[in-house]
Amino acid sequence: MKLAVLCYIRSNGRTLMMHRNARSEDMHFGKWNAPGGKVEPGETPGECAVREVFEETALTVRDPRMRGVLTFPAFDDEEDWYVFVFTAEKFSGDLKQSCHEGDLFWIEDVDLMELPLWEGDRIFMKWLDADRFFSGKFVYSTSGYESHSVVFYGDDRESSDSTEQESSNGKVLFLDSNPVVSDTAVGMLFSLGYSVDVVLDGKAVLSQYRAAMENGKPYRIVIMNLSIPRGMGGTETVRRLLAIDPEAAVIISSGFTGSDVMSSCHSYGFKAALPKPYTVRELFHALDTALGS
């Protein structure tokens, strides 16, 4: 297990980012990250954030705010990484142009998503603007990003003694290969009181659904996209899923509203259809329909 920090330093609509271009053997080579690094023995995550920022940027941050914790199982193919994510807006000193990891640049916030980031970073960086503390897990394989899940905690995180938060409406397994779609849906589902696990193809749906049943923590509902590029899509997945659990509540979602599957979803084993794009109200109606079927 490795412990590390990331610290997103913000100023006047810009964020300080590092282009990891110094060492070709660096697993982050070519990517853009926030300053950060490994927690040293006896060091708190906050102390590590201050130290790493100074070592890499020559800036001294004050009052860094911890926004969340991320888990990356076997991220380097060997060990799990646990990363404490901070933001900081108070700092002093003269920024240096580069360090042993790469070059440093102030990036306009509106341009951040245009950088070659890790896929998971595109997702969790959007959570930094919320007042809710997050605990997320991002799964990568040798082929790249696979899936993520997250739990958000209450706004007043400093007064909360809770270390675990169960969503009142249960767990949703969400299948979509588009991280923008899944990230938007996750926010909607959390607002409706659900916790969410996101997967990229039908095979992952089957394995996670089966594992959840075996662990005694089944999913209450599954939402899946009709088409998955280079993967098992909705119709084949629901057929195999119903063989595992004939009572599974599954919603099919697609932008192809004229397809036979969307118009006759019950004939294919789905409890409801959810045309894209959709609002929170439309999502709520689909969930209510599927769970009431």
C-alpha atoms as a PDB file:
ATOM      1  CA  MET A   1       0.000   0.000   0.000  1.00  0.00           C
ATOM      2  CA  LYS A   2       1.255   3.451  -0.909  1.00  0.00           C
ATOM      3  CA  LEU A   3      -0.002   6.775   0.438  1.00  0.00           C
ATOM      4  CA  ALA A   4       0.219   9.964  -1.599  1.00  0.00           C
ATOM      5  CA  VAL A   5      -1.289  13.426  -1.984  1.00  0.00           C
ATOM      6  CA  LEU A   6      -2.368  15.727  -4.791  1.00  0.00           C
ATOM      7  CA  CYS A   7      -2.768  19.463  -4.220  1.00  0.00           C
ATOM      8  CA  TYR A   8      -4.654  21.603  -6.738  1.00  0.00           C
ATOM      9  CA  ILE A   9      -3.473  25.195  -6.252  1.00  0.00           C
ATOM     10  CA  ARG A  10      -5.975  27.725  -7.587  1.00  0.00           C
ATOM     11  CA  SER A  11      -5.735  31.431  -8.298  1.00  0.00           C
ATOM     12  CA  ASN A  12      -7.890  33.829 -10.331  1.00  0.00           C
ATOM     13  CA  GLY A  13      -9.617  31.189 -12.424  1.00  0.00           C
ATOM     14  CA  ARG A  14      -6.435  29.194 -13.034  1.00  0.00           C
ATOM     15  CA  THR A  15      -5.003  25.967 -11.611  1.00  0.00           C
ATOM     16  CA  LEU A  16      -1.328  25.093 -11.264  1.00  0.00           C
ATOM     17  CA  MET A  17      -0.558  21.923 -13.212  1.00  0.00           C
ATOM     18  CA  MET A  18       2.582  19.926 -13.905  1.00  0.00           C
ATOM     19  CA  HIS A  19       3.416  18.427 -17.304  1.00  0.00           C
ATOM     20  CA  ARG A  20       5.139  15.154 -16.377  1.00  0.00           C
ATOM     21  CA  ASN A  21       7.771  15.227 -19.114  1.00  0.00           C
ATOM     22  CA  ALA A  22      11.065  14.932 -17.234  1.00  0.00           C
ATOM     23  CA  ARG A  23      11.548  11.150 -17.092  1.00  0.00           C
ATOM     24  CA  SER A  24      10.487   8.747 -19.829  1.00  0.00           C
ATOM     25  CA  GLU A  25      10.282   5.880 -17.310  1.00  0.00           C
ATOM     26  CA  ASP A  26       7.739   7.824 -15.234  1.00  0.00           C
ATOM     27  CA  MET A  27       4.366   5.998 -15.233  1.00  0.00           C
ATOM     28  CA  HIS A  28       2.762   9.438 -15.580  1.00  0.00           C
ATOM     29  CA  PHE A  29       5.026  10.480 -18.471  1.00  0.00           C
ATOM     30  CA  GLY A  30       3.201  12.804 -20.852  1.00  0.00           C
ATOM     31  CA  LYS A  31       0.254  13.322 -18.482  1.00  0.00           C
ATOM     32  CA  TRP A  32      -0.659  16.467 -16.574  1.00  0.00           C
ATOM     33  CA  ASN A  33      -1.075  16.243 -12.793  1.00  0.00           C
ATOM     34  CA  ALA A  34      -1.367  18.501  -9.807  1.00  0.00           C
ATOM     35  CA  PRO A  35       1.732  18.810  -7.614  1.00  0.00           C
ATOM     36  CA  GLY A  36       2.012  16.039  -5.038  1.00  0.00           C
ATOM     37  CA  GLY A  37       3.839  12.914  -4.010  1.00  0.00           C
ATOM     38  CA  LYS A  38       4.258  10.143  -1.455  1.00  0.00           C
ATOM     39  CA  VAL A  39       3.555  10.568   2.250  1.00  0.00           C
ATOM     40  CA  GLU A  40       6.685  10.061   4.317  1.00  0.00           C
ATOM     41  CA  PRO A  41       6.782   8.076   7.606  1.00  0.00           C
ATOM     42  CA  GLY A  42       5.367  10.083  10.517  1.00  0.00           C
ATOM     43  CA  GLU A  43       3.878  12.693   8.178  1.00  0.00           C
ATOM     44  CA  THR A  44       0.212  13.679   7.999  1.00  0.00           C
ATOM     45  CA  PRO A  45      -1.376  14.067   4.551  1.00  0.00           C
ATOM     46  CA  GLY A  46      -1.657  17.821   5.141  1.00  0.00           C
ATOM     47  CA  GLU A  47       2.015  18.110   6.057  1.00  0.00           C
ATOM     48  CA  CYS A  48       2.886  16.070   2.982  1.00  0.00           C
ATOM     49  CA  ALA A  49       0.853  18.383   0.747  1.00  0.00           C
ATOM     50  CA  VAL A  50       2.695  21.463   2.053  1.00  0.00           C
ATOM     51  CA  ARG A  51       6.102  19.793   1.719  1.00  0.00           C
ATOM     52  CA  GLU A  52       5.553  18.320  -1.741  1.00  0.00           C
ATOM     53  CA  VAL A  53       4.171  21.573  -3.118  1.00  0.00           C
ATOM     54  CA  PHE A  54       7.201  23.481  -1.842  1.00  0.00           C
ATOM     55  CA  GLU A  55       9.687  20.918  -3.168  1.00  0.00           C
ATOM     56  CA  GLU A  56       8.096  20.828  -6.612  1.00  0.00           C
ATOM     57  CA  THR A  57       6.982  24.440  -7.075  1.00  0.00           C
ATOM     58  CA  ALA A  58       8.857  26.617  -4.496  1.00  0.00           C
ATOM     59  CA  LEU A  59       5.439  27.852  -3.327  1.00  0.00           C
ATOM     60  CA  THR A  60       4.356  27.653   0.315  1.00  0.00           C
ATOM     61  CA  VAL A  61       0.669  26.839   0.611  1.00  0.00           C
ATOM     62  CA  ARG A  62      -1.371  27.744   3.670  1.00  0.00           C
ATOM     63  CA  ASP A  63      -4.535  26.056   4.902  1.00  0.00           C
ATOM     64  CA  PRO A  64      -4.782  23.357   2.237  1.00  0.00           C
ATOM     65  CA  ARG A  65      -8.269  21.831   2.311  1.00  0.00           C
ATOM     66  CA  MET A  66      -8.699  18.077   2.017  1.00  0.00           C
ATOM     67  CA  ARG A  67     -11.478  17.426  -0.495  1.00  0.00           C
ATOM     68  CA  GLY A  68     -11.486  13.651  -0.626  1.00  0.00           C
ATOM     69  CA  VAL A  69      -9.654  10.341  -0.689  1.00  0.00           C
ATOM     70  CA  LEU A  70      -9.092   8.177  -3.761  1.00  0.00           C
ATOM     71  CA  THR A  71      -8.240   4.487  -3.933  1.00  0.00           C
ATOM     72  CA  PHE A  72      -6.395   3.086  -6.964  1.00  0.00           C
ATOM     73  CA  PRO A  73      -6.214  -0.732  -6.657  1.00  0.00           C
ATOM     74  CA  ALA A  74      -2.890  -2.065  -8.004  1.00  0.00           C
ATOM     75  CA  PHE A  75      -2.376   1.169  -9.944  1.00  0.00           C
ATOM     76  CA  ASP A  76       1.270   0.332 -10.621  1.00  0.00           C
ATOM     77  CA  ASP A  77       0.362  -3.357 -11.178  1.00  0.00           C
ATOM     78  CA  GLU A  78       1.762  -4.111  -7.727  1.00  0.00           C
ATOM     79  CA  GLU A  79       0.326  -2.065  -4.869  1.00  0.00           C
ATOM     80  CA  ASP A  80      -2.833  -0.173  -4.011  1.00  0.00           C
ATOM     81  CA  TRP A  81      -2.477   3.603  -3.928  1.00  0.00           C
ATOM     82  CA  TYR A  82      -4.453   5.778  -1.518  1.00  0.00           C
ATOM     83  CA  VAL A  83      -4.374   9.433  -2.535  1.00  0.00           C
ATOM     84  CA  PHE A  84      -5.510  12.364  -0.382  1.00  0.00           C
ATOM     85  CA  VAL A  85      -6.746  15.195  -2.587  1.00  0.00           C
ATOM     86  CA  PHE A  86      -6.363  18.827  -1.508  1.00  0.00           C
ATOM     87  CA  THR A  87      -7.089  22.270  -2.889  1.00  0.00           C
ATOM     88  CA  ALA A  88      -5.283  25.439  -1.831  1.00  0.00           C
ATOM     89  CA  GLU A  89      -5.924  29.080  -2.611  1.00  0.00           C
ATOM     90  CA  LYS A  90      -3.522  30.745  -0.168  1.00  0.00           C
ATOM     91  CA  PHE A  91       0.155  30.605  -1.045  1.00  0.00           C
ATOM     92  CA  SER A  92       3.332  32.659  -1.199  1.00  0.00           C
ATOM     93  CA  GLY A  93       6.674  32.502  -2.977  1.00  0.00           C
ATOM     94  CA  ASP A  94       7.942  32.658  -6.537  1.00  0.00           C
ATOM     95  CA  LEU A  95       6.895  29.780  -8.762  1.00  0.00           C
ATOM     96  CA  LYS A  96       9.743  27.958 -10.441  1.00  0.00           C
ATOM     97  CA  GLN A  97       9.359  26.850 -14.040  1.00  0.00           C
ATOM     98  CA  SER A  98      10.175  23.175 -13.601  1.00  0.00           C
ATOM     99  CA  CYS A  99      11.205  20.465 -11.161  1.00  0.00           C
ATOM    100  CA  HIS A 100      12.552  16.916 -11.289  1.00  0.00           C
ATOM    101  CA  GLU A 101       9.119  15.650 -12.409  1.00  0.00           C
ATOM    102  CA  GLY A 102       8.337  18.120 -15.184  1.00  0.00           C
ATOM    103  CA  ASP A 103       7.353  21.651 -16.152  1.00  0.00           C
ATOM    104  CA  LEU A 104       4.875  23.837 -14.266  1.00  0.00           C
ATOM    105  CA  PHE A 105       2.151  25.984 -15.818  1.00  0.00           C
ATOM    106  CA  TRP A 106      -0.851  27.994 -14.719  1.00  0.00           C
ATOM    107  CA  ILE A 107      -3.778  26.614 -16.744  1.00  0.00           C
ATOM    108  CA  GLU A 108      -7.085  28.405 -17.222  1.00  0.00           C
ATOM    109  CA  ASP A 109      -9.781  26.365 -15.471  1.00  0.00           C
ATOM    110  CA  VAL A 110     -11.887  26.295 -18.643  1.00  0.00           C
ATOM    111  CA  ASP A 111      -8.986  24.599 -20.447  1.00  0.00           C
ATOM    112  CA  LEU A 112      -8.176  21.912 -17.876  1.00  0.00           C
ATOM    113  CA  MET A 113     -10.199  19.159 -19.542  1.00  0.00           C
ATOM    114  CA  GLU A 114      -8.348  19.753 -22.811  1.00  0.00           C
ATOM    115  CA  LEU A 115      -5.095  18.524 -21.250  1.00  0.00           C
ATOM    116  CA  PRO A 116      -3.957  14.877 -21.625  1.00  0.00           C
ATOM    117  CA  LEU A 117      -5.148  13.841 -18.165  1.00  0.00           C
ATOM    118  CA  TRP A 118      -5.719  10.396 -16.726  1.00  0.00           C
ATOM    119  CA  GLU A 119      -9.329   9.425 -17.498  1.00  0.00           C
ATOM    120  CA  GLY A 120     -10.159   9.190 -13.815  1.00  0.00           C
ATOM    121  CA  ASP A 121      -8.782  12.676 -13.194  1.00  0.00           C
ATOM    122  CA  ARG A 122     -11.356  14.089 -15.617  1.00  0.00           C
ATOM    123  CA  ILE A 123     -14.024  12.628 -13.353  1.00  0.00           C
ATOM    124  CA  PHE A 124     -12.819  13.448  -9.841  1.00  0.00           C
ATOM    125  CA  MET A 125     -11.536  16.946 -10.676  1.00  0.00           C
ATOM    126  CA  LYS A 126     -15.181  17.970 -11.147  1.00  0.00           C
ATOM    127  CA  TRP A 127     -15.873  16.926  -7.567  1.00  0.00           C
ATOM    128  CA  LEU A 128     -13.389  19.496  -6.236  1.00  0.00           C
ATOM    129  CA  ASP A 129     -15.920  22.316  -6.599  1.00  0.00           C
ATOM    130  CA  ALA A 130     -18.554  20.652  -4.400  1.00  0.00           C
ATOM    131  CA  ASP A 131     -18.817  21.112  -0.658  1.00  0.00           C
ATOM    132  CA  ARG A 132     -19.145  17.360  -0.155  1.00  0.00           C
ATOM    133  CA  PHE A 133     -16.196  15.221   0.902  1.00  0.00           C
ATOM    134  CA  PHE A 134     -15.687  12.235  -1.389  1.00  0.00           C
ATOM    135  CA  SER A 135     -14.273   8.741  -1.127  1.00  0.00           C
ATOM    136  CA  GLY A 136     -13.727   7.293  -4.569  1.00  0.00           C
ATOM    137  CA  LYS A 137     -12.211   4.215  -6.157  1.00  0.00           C
ATOM    138  CA  PHE A 138     -10.776   4.163  -9.679  1.00  0.00           C
ATOM    139  CA  VAL A 139      -9.860   0.883 -11.318  1.00  0.00           C
ATOM    140  CA  TYR A 140      -7.265   0.799 -14.100  1.00  0.00           C
ATOM    141  CA  SER A 141      -5.865  -2.106 -16.086  1.00  0.00           C
ATOM    142  CA  THR A 142      -3.031  -2.336 -18.585  1.00  0.00           C
ATOM    143  CA  SER A 143      -5.498  -1.082 -21.214  1.00  0.00           C
ATOM    144  CA  GLY A 144      -6.457   1.997 -19.170  1.00  0.00           C
ATOM    145  CA  TYR A 145      -9.445   3.181 -17.162  1.00  0.00           C
ATOM    146  CA  GLU A 146     -11.974   0.463 -16.297  1.00  0.00           C
ATOM    147  CA  SER A 147     -14.475   1.740 -13.737  1.00  0.00           C
ATOM    148  CA  HIS A 148     -15.036   3.945 -10.726  1.00  0.00           C
ATOM    149  CA  SER A 149     -17.320   4.255  -7.716  1.00  0.00           C
ATOM    150  CA  VAL A 150     -17.709   6.991  -5.137  1.00  0.00           C
ATOM    151  CA  VAL A 151     -19.522   7.929  -1.935  1.00  0.00           C
ATOM    152  CA  PHE A 152     -20.125  11.583  -1.086  1.00  0.00           C
ATOM    153  CA  TYR A 153     -20.356  12.718   2.516  1.00  0.00           C
ATOM    154  CA  GLY A 154     -22.319  15.592   4.042  1.00  0.00           C
ATOM    155  CA  ASP A 155     -21.482  19.253   3.592  1.00  0.00           C
ATOM    156  CA  ASP A 156     -20.365  19.681   7.212  1.00  0.00           C
ATOM    157  CA  ARG A 157     -17.690  17.029   7.009  1.00  0.00           C
ATOM    158  CA  GLU A 158     -15.642  18.357   9.977  1.00  0.00           C
ATOM    159  CA  SER A 159     -18.514  17.791  12.412  1.00  0.00           C
ATOM    160  CA  SER A 160     -19.315  14.311  11.155  1.00  0.00           C
ATOM    161  CA  ASP A 161     -18.050  11.297  13.061  1.00  0.00           C
ATOM    162  CA  SER A 162     -19.242   8.915  10.351  1.00  0.00           C
ATOM    163  CA  THR A 163     -16.605   6.903   8.532  1.00  0.00           C
ATOM    164  CA  GLU A 164     -19.087   5.080   6.352  1.00  0.00           C
ATOM    165  CA  GLN A 165     -22.208   6.340   4.679  1.00  0.00           C
ATOM    166  CA  GLU A 166     -24.840   4.061   3.209  1.00  0.00           C
ATOM    167  CA  SER A 167     -27.167   5.565   0.624  1.00  0.00           C
ATOM    168  CA  SER A 168     -30.764   5.221   1.745  1.00  0.00           C
ATOM    169  CA  ASN A 169     -32.136   3.971  -1.574  1.00  0.00           C
ATOM    170  CA  GLY A 170     -29.538   1.279  -2.209  1.00  0.00           C
ATOM    171  CA  LYS A 171     -26.893   0.557  -4.823  1.00  0.00           C
ATOM    172  CA  VAL A 172     -27.043   1.114  -8.573  1.00  0.00           C
ATOM    173  CA  LEU A 173     -24.798  -0.631 -11.094  1.00  0.00           C
ATOM    174  CA  PHE A 174     -24.320   1.750 -14.031  1.00  0.00           C
ATOM    175  CA  LEU A 175     -23.007   0.651 -17.434  1.00  0.00           C
ATOM    176  CA  ASP A 176     -21.794   3.241 -19.933  1.00  0.00           C
ATOM    177  CA  SER A 177     -18.504   3.588 -21.787  1.00  0.00           C
ATOM    178  CA  ASN A 178     -18.705   7.397 -21.890  1.00  0.00           C
ATOM    179  CA  PRO A 179     -17.205   8.909 -18.700  1.00  0.00           C
ATOM    180  CA  VAL A 180     -19.039  12.212 -19.261  1.00  0.00           C
ATOM    181  CA  VAL A 181     -22.391  10.403 -19.320  1.00  0.00           C
ATOM    182  CA  SER A 182     -21.550   8.239 -16.317  1.00  0.00           C
ATOM    183  CA  ASP A 183     -20.232  11.163 -14.278  1.00  0.00           C
ATOM    184  CA  THR A 184     -23.418  13.158 -14.918  1.00  0.00           C
ATOM    185  CA  ALA A 185     -25.615  10.174 -14.070  1.00  0.00           C
ATOM    186  CA  VAL A 186     -23.661   9.478 -10.882  1.00  0.00           C
ATOM    187  CA  GLY A 187     -24.377  13.012  -9.671  1.00  0.00           C
ATOM    188  CA  MET A 188     -28.071  12.619 -10.439  1.00  0.00           C
ATOM    189  CA  LEU A 189     -28.292   9.249  -8.713  1.00  0.00           C
ATOM    190  CA  PHE A 190     -26.527  10.536  -5.603  1.00  0.00           C
ATOM    191  CA  SER A 191     -28.987  13.420  -5.455  1.00  0.00           C
ATOM    192  CA  LEU A 192     -31.758  10.789  -5.429  1.00  0.00           C
ATOM    193  CA  GLY A 193     -30.142   8.892  -2.573  1.00  0.00           C
ATOM    194  CA  TYR A 194     -28.379   6.054  -4.387  1.00  0.00           C
ATOM    195  CA  SER A 195     -24.776   4.886  -4.289  1.00  0.00           C
ATOM    196  CA  VAL A 196     -23.313   3.979  -7.666  1.00  0.00           C
ATOM    197  CA  ASP A 197     -20.731   1.655  -9.179  1.00  0.00           C
ATOM    198  CA  VAL A 198     -19.750   2.421 -12.778  1.00  0.00           C
ATOM    199  CA  VAL A 199     -18.524  -0.220 -15.246  1.00  0.00           C
ATOM    200  CA  LEU A 200     -17.554  -0.068 -18.907  1.00  0.00           C
ATOM    201  CA  ASP A 201     -18.946  -3.242 -20.475  1.00  0.00           C
ATOM    202  CA  GLY A 202     -21.441  -6.041 -19.983  1.00  0.00           C
ATOM    203  CA  LYS A 203     -18.922  -8.573 -18.735  1.00  0.00           C
ATOM    204  CA  ALA A 204     -18.108  -6.294 -15.817  1.00  0.00           C
ATOM    205  CA  VAL A 205     -21.832  -5.954 -15.070  1.00  0.00           C
ATOM    206  CA  LEU A 206     -22.191  -9.716 -14.781  1.00  0.00           C
ATOM    207  CA  SER A 207     -19.127 -10.222 -12.596  1.00  0.00           C
ATOM    208  CA  GLN A 208     -19.901  -7.336 -10.217  1.00  0.00           C
ATOM    209  CA  TYR A 209     -23.599  -8.188  -9.966  1.00  0.00           C
ATOM    210  CA  ARG A 210     -22.807 -11.815  -9.126  1.00  0.00           C
ATOM    211  CA  ALA A 211     -20.164 -10.811  -6.587  1.00  0.00           C
ATOM    212  CA  ALA A 212     -22.548  -8.378  -4.886  1.00  0.00           C
ATOM    213  CA  MET A 213     -25.189 -11.106  -4.577  1.00  0.00           C
ATOM    214  CA  GLU A 214     -22.665 -13.528  -3.113  1.00  0.00           C
ATOM    215  CA  ASN A 215     -21.488 -10.901  -0.601  1.00  0.00           C
ATOM    216  CA  GLY A 216     -25.033 -10.277   0.578  1.00  0.00           C
ATOM    217  CA  LYS A 217     -25.017  -6.689  -0.720  1.00  0.00           C
ATOM    218  CA  PRO A 218     -26.978  -6.931  -3.979  1.00  0.00           C
ATOM    219  CA  TYR A 219     -27.604  -4.096  -6.370  1.00  0.00           C
ATOM    220  CA  ARG A 220     -31.104  -2.729  -6.231  1.00  0.00           C
ATOM    221  CA  ILE A 221     -31.131  -1.719  -9.875  1.00  0.00           C
ATOM    222  CA  VAL A 222     -28.967  -1.787 -13.005  1.00  0.00           C
ATOM    223  CA  ILE A 223     -28.886   0.941 -15.654  1.00  0.00           C
ATOM    224  CA  MET A 224     -27.163   0.059 -18.906  1.00  0.00           C
ATOM    225  CA  ASN A 225     -26.517   1.692 -22.237  1.00  0.00           C
ATOM    226  CA  LEU A 226     -27.902  -0.054 -25.315  1.00  0.00           C
ATOM    227  CA  SER A 227     -24.630   0.023 -27.285  1.00  0.00           C
ATOM    228  CA  ILE A 228     -21.093  -0.377 -25.932  1.00  0.00           C
ATOM    229  CA  PRO A 229     -18.267   0.048 -28.473  1.00  0.00           C
ATOM    230  CA  ARG A 230     -16.062  -3.060 -28.573  1.00  0.00           C
ATOM    231  CA  GLY A 231     -17.970  -4.572 -25.663  1.00  0.00           C
ATOM    232  CA  MET A 232     -21.084  -6.466 -24.644  1.00  0.00           C
ATOM    233  CA  GLY A 233     -24.050  -4.130 -24.918  1.00  0.00           C
ATOM    234  CA  GLY A 234     -27.394  -3.933 -23.187  1.00  0.00           C
ATOM    235  CA  THR A 235     -29.477  -6.641 -24.861  1.00  0.00           C
ATOM    236  CA  GLU A 236     -26.917  -9.425 -24.538  1.00  0.00           C
ATOM    237  CA  THR A 237     -26.009  -8.327 -21.015  1.00  0.00           C
ATOM    238  CA  VAL A 238     -29.581  -8.336 -19.734  1.00  0.00           C
ATOM    239  CA  ARG A 239     -30.160 -11.815 -21.197  1.00  0.00           C
ATOM    240  CA  ARG A 240     -27.187 -13.191 -19.268  1.00  0.00           C
ATOM    241  CA  LEU A 241     -27.985 -11.144 -16.175  1.00  0.00           C
ATOM    242  CA  LEU A 242     -31.514 -12.533 -15.928  1.00  0.00           C
ATOM    243  CA  ALA A 243     -30.030 -16.022 -15.995  1.00  0.00           C
ATOM    244  CA  ILE A 244     -28.150 -15.048 -12.822  1.00  0.00           C
ATOM    245  CA  ASP A 245     -31.077 -13.220 -11.215  1.00  0.00           C
ATOM    246  CA  PRO A 246     -34.488 -13.524 -12.901  1.00  0.00           C
ATOM    247  CA  GLU A 247     -35.793 -10.729 -10.659  1.00  0.00           C
ATOM    248  CA  ALA A 248     -33.111  -8.191 -11.629  1.00  0.00           C
ATOM    249  CA  ALA A 249     -34.471  -4.682 -12.168  1.00  0.00           C
ATOM    250  CA  VAL A 250     -32.755  -3.346 -15.281  1.00  0.00           C
ATOM    251  CA  ILE A 251     -33.230  -0.062 -17.144  1.00  0.00           C
ATOM    252  CA  ILE A 252     -32.082   0.329 -20.746  1.00  0.00           C
ATOM    253  CA  SER A 253     -30.845   3.750 -21.829  1.00  0.00           C
ATOM    254  CA  SER A 254     -29.993   5.087 -25.274  1.00  0.00           C
ATOM    255  CA  GLY A 255     -30.089   8.105 -27.524  1.00  0.00           C
ATOM    256  CA  PHE A 256     -31.532   5.909 -30.267  1.00  0.00           C
ATOM    257  CA  THR A 257     -35.100   6.380 -29.110  1.00  0.00           C
ATOM    258  CA  GLY A 258     -36.547   4.815 -32.258  1.00  0.00           C
ATOM    259  CA  SER A 259     -34.917   1.445 -31.689  1.00  0.00           C
ATOM    260  CA  ASP A 260     -37.126  -1.588 -31.088  1.00  0.00           C
ATOM    261  CA  VAL A 261     -35.385  -2.274 -27.781  1.00  0.00           C
ATOM    262  CA  MET A 262     -36.284   1.164 -26.446  1.00  0.00           C
ATOM    263  CA  SER A 263     -39.882   1.084 -27.643  1.00  0.00           C
ATOM    264  CA  SER A 264     -40.492  -2.542 -26.553  1.00  0.00           C
ATOM    265  CA  CYS A 265     -38.062  -2.813 -23.641  1.00  0.00           C
ATOM    266  CA  HIS A 266     -40.169  -5.300 -21.664  1.00  0.00           C
ATOM    267  CA  SER A 267     -39.928  -7.815 -24.490  1.00  0.00           C
ATOM    268  CA  TYR A 268     -36.168  -7.896 -23.979  1.00  0.00           C
ATOM    269  CA  GLY A 269     -36.299  -8.269 -20.206  1.00  0.00           C
ATOM    270  CA  PHE A 270     -35.915  -4.615 -19.183  1.00  0.00           C
ATOM    271  CA  LYS A 271     -38.182  -3.022 -16.584  1.00  0.00           C
ATOM    272  CA  ALA A 272     -38.025   0.497 -18.073  1.00  0.00           C
ATOM    273  CA  ALA A 273     -36.447   2.567 -20.846  1.00  0.00           C
ATOM    274  CA  LEU A 274     -34.604   5.842 -20.278  1.00  0.00           C
ATOM    275  CA  PRO A 275     -34.033   7.940 -23.433  1.00  0.00           C
ATOM    276  CA  LYS A 276     -30.926  10.142 -23.552  1.00  0.00           C
ATOM    277  CA  PRO A 277     -30.426  12.898 -22.671  1.00  0.00           C
ATOM    278  CA  TYR A 278     -32.501  12.834 -19.511  1.00  0.00           C
ATOM    279  CA  THR A 279     -33.274  15.020 -16.533  1.00  0.00           C
ATOM    280  CA  VAL A 280     -33.269  14.067 -12.858  1.00  0.00           C
ATOM    281  CA  ARG A 281     -37.072  13.942 -12.991  1.00  0.00           C
ATOM    282  CA  GLU A 282     -36.985  11.548 -15.971  1.00  0.00           C
ATOM    283  CA  LEU A 283     -34.370   9.397 -14.237  1.00  0.00           C
ATOM    284  CA  PHE A 284     -36.507   9.299 -11.096  1.00  0.00           C
ATOM    285  CA  HIS A 285     -39.546   8.228 -13.147  1.00  0.00           C
ATOM    286  CA  ALA A 286     -37.560   5.417 -14.820  1.00  0.00           C
ATOM    287  CA  LEU A 287     -36.279   4.183 -11.447  1.00  0.00           C
ATOM    288  CA  ASP A 288     -39.773   4.313  -9.983  1.00  0.00           C
ATOM    289  CA  THR A 289     -41.161   2.387 -12.963  1.00  0.00           C
ATOM    290  CA  ALA A 290     -38.460  -0.280 -12.847  1.00  0.00           C
ATOM    291  CA  LEU A 291     -38.679  -0.827  -9.106  1.00  0.00           C
ATOM    292  CA  GLY A 292     -42.457  -0.903  -9.212  1.00  0.00           C
ATOM    293  CA  SER A 293     -42.696  -3.378 -12.092  1.00  0.00           C
END
